[in-house]
Protein backbone atom coordinates (compact mmCIF):
# COMPACT_ATOMS: atom_id res chain seq x y z
CA UNK A 1 6.03 -11.11 2.10
CA UNK A 2 8.82 -9.50 0.65
CA UNK A 3 6.30 -7.08 -1.46
CA UNK A 4 4.94 -6.10 2.10
CA UNK A 5 8.27 -5.48 3.51
CA UNK A 6 9.19 -3.41 0.45
CA UNK A 7 6.16 -1.38 0.61
CA UNK A 8 6.63 -1.03 4.61
CA UNK A 9 10.15 0.26 4.02
CA UNK A 10 8.92 2.81 1.51
CA UNK A 11 6.29 4.07 3.71
CA UNK A 12 8.55 4.64 6.64
CA UNK A 13 11.12 6.46 3.98
CA UNK A 14 8.18 8.61 2.90
CA UNK A 15 8.75 7.25 -0.53
CA UNK A 16 5.24 7.43 -2.07
CA UNK A 17 6.25 7.48 -5.24
CA UNK A 18 7.68 3.61 -4.81
CA UNK A 19 4.74 2.83 -2.39
CA UNK A 20 2.11 3.48 -5.16
CA UNK A 21 4.28 1.54 -7.53
CA UNK A 22 4.35 -1.54 -5.24
CA UNK A 23 0.71 -1.29 -4.34
CA UNK A 24 -0.33 -1.11 -8.05
CA UNK A 25 0.60 -4.67 -9.26
CA UNK A 26 -0.18 -6.28 -5.27
CA UNK A 27 -3.88 -4.71 -6.16
CA UNK A 28 -3.96 -6.28 -9.33
CA UNK A 29 -2.80 -9.90 -8.16
CA UNK A 30 -4.75 -9.71 -5.20
CA UNK A 31 -7.96 -8.98 -7.21
CA UNK A 32 -7.03 -11.77 -9.73
CA UNK A 33 -6.78 -14.24 -6.88
CA UNK A 34 -10.10 -13.33 -5.22
CA UNK A 35 -8.37 -11.76 -2.34
CA UNK A 36 -10.82 -8.55 -2.58
CA UNK A 37 -10.04 -7.15 0.79
CA UNK A 38 -6.27 -7.10 -0.06
CA UNK A 39 -6.78 -5.58 -3.29
CA UNK A 40 -9.07 -2.98 -1.63
CA UNK A 41 -6.45 -2.07 0.74
CA UNK A 42 -3.89 -1.75 -1.84
CA UNK A 43 -5.93 0.25 -4.02
CA UNK A 44 -6.53 3.01 -0.81
CA UNK A 45 -2.87 2.82 -0.47
CA UNK A 46 -2.23 3.52 -4.08
CA UNK A 47 -4.72 5.98 -4.29
CA UNK A 48 -3.27 7.81 -0.93
CA UNK A 49 0.12 7.85 -2.53
CA UNK A 50 0.16 8.36 -6.11
CA UNK A 51 0.80 11.81 -7.60
CA UNK A 52 0.90 13.53 -4.11
CA UNK A 53 3.34 15.61 -2.55
CA UNK A 54 5.00 14.39 0.59
CA UNK A 55 2.77 17.10 2.74
CA UNK A 56 -0.21 15.79 1.30
CA UNK A 57 0.08 12.42 2.55
CA UNK A 58 -1.59 11.39 5.85
CA UNK A 59 1.09 9.17 7.36
CA UNK A 60 -0.87 8.17 9.87
CA UNK A 61 -4.05 6.94 8.07
CA UNK A 62 -1.23 4.98 5.52
CA UNK A 63 0.36 3.57 8.52
CA UNK A 64 -2.85 2.30 9.78
CA UNK A 65 -3.59 0.36 6.07
CA UNK A 66 -0.38 -0.93 5.96
CA UNK A 67 -0.99 -2.57 9.40
CA UNK A 68 -4.29 -3.82 7.84
CA UNK A 69 -2.61 -5.09 4.93
CA UNK A 70 0.03 -6.95 6.96
CA UNK A 71 -2.71 -8.33 9.00
CA UNK A 72 -5.31 -9.64 6.27
CA UNK A 73 -2.13 -11.19 4.45
CA UNK A 74 -1.10 -13.27 7.09
């Protein structure tokens, strides 16, 4: 729950470097636990925010992924 809050805060503040750094371990941990759907969403978030400029990020798509992640993690 805390990691989701931190990720939501980073996305809201357009801190995409932080978003990618949060998504990476969340992806790895989820995959190890067999939460494949969560890992896939985290991977997509990481890929959309890693090594990109702020102008390159599709905010709507990223917000949708965050909602999906929050929904599936409940």
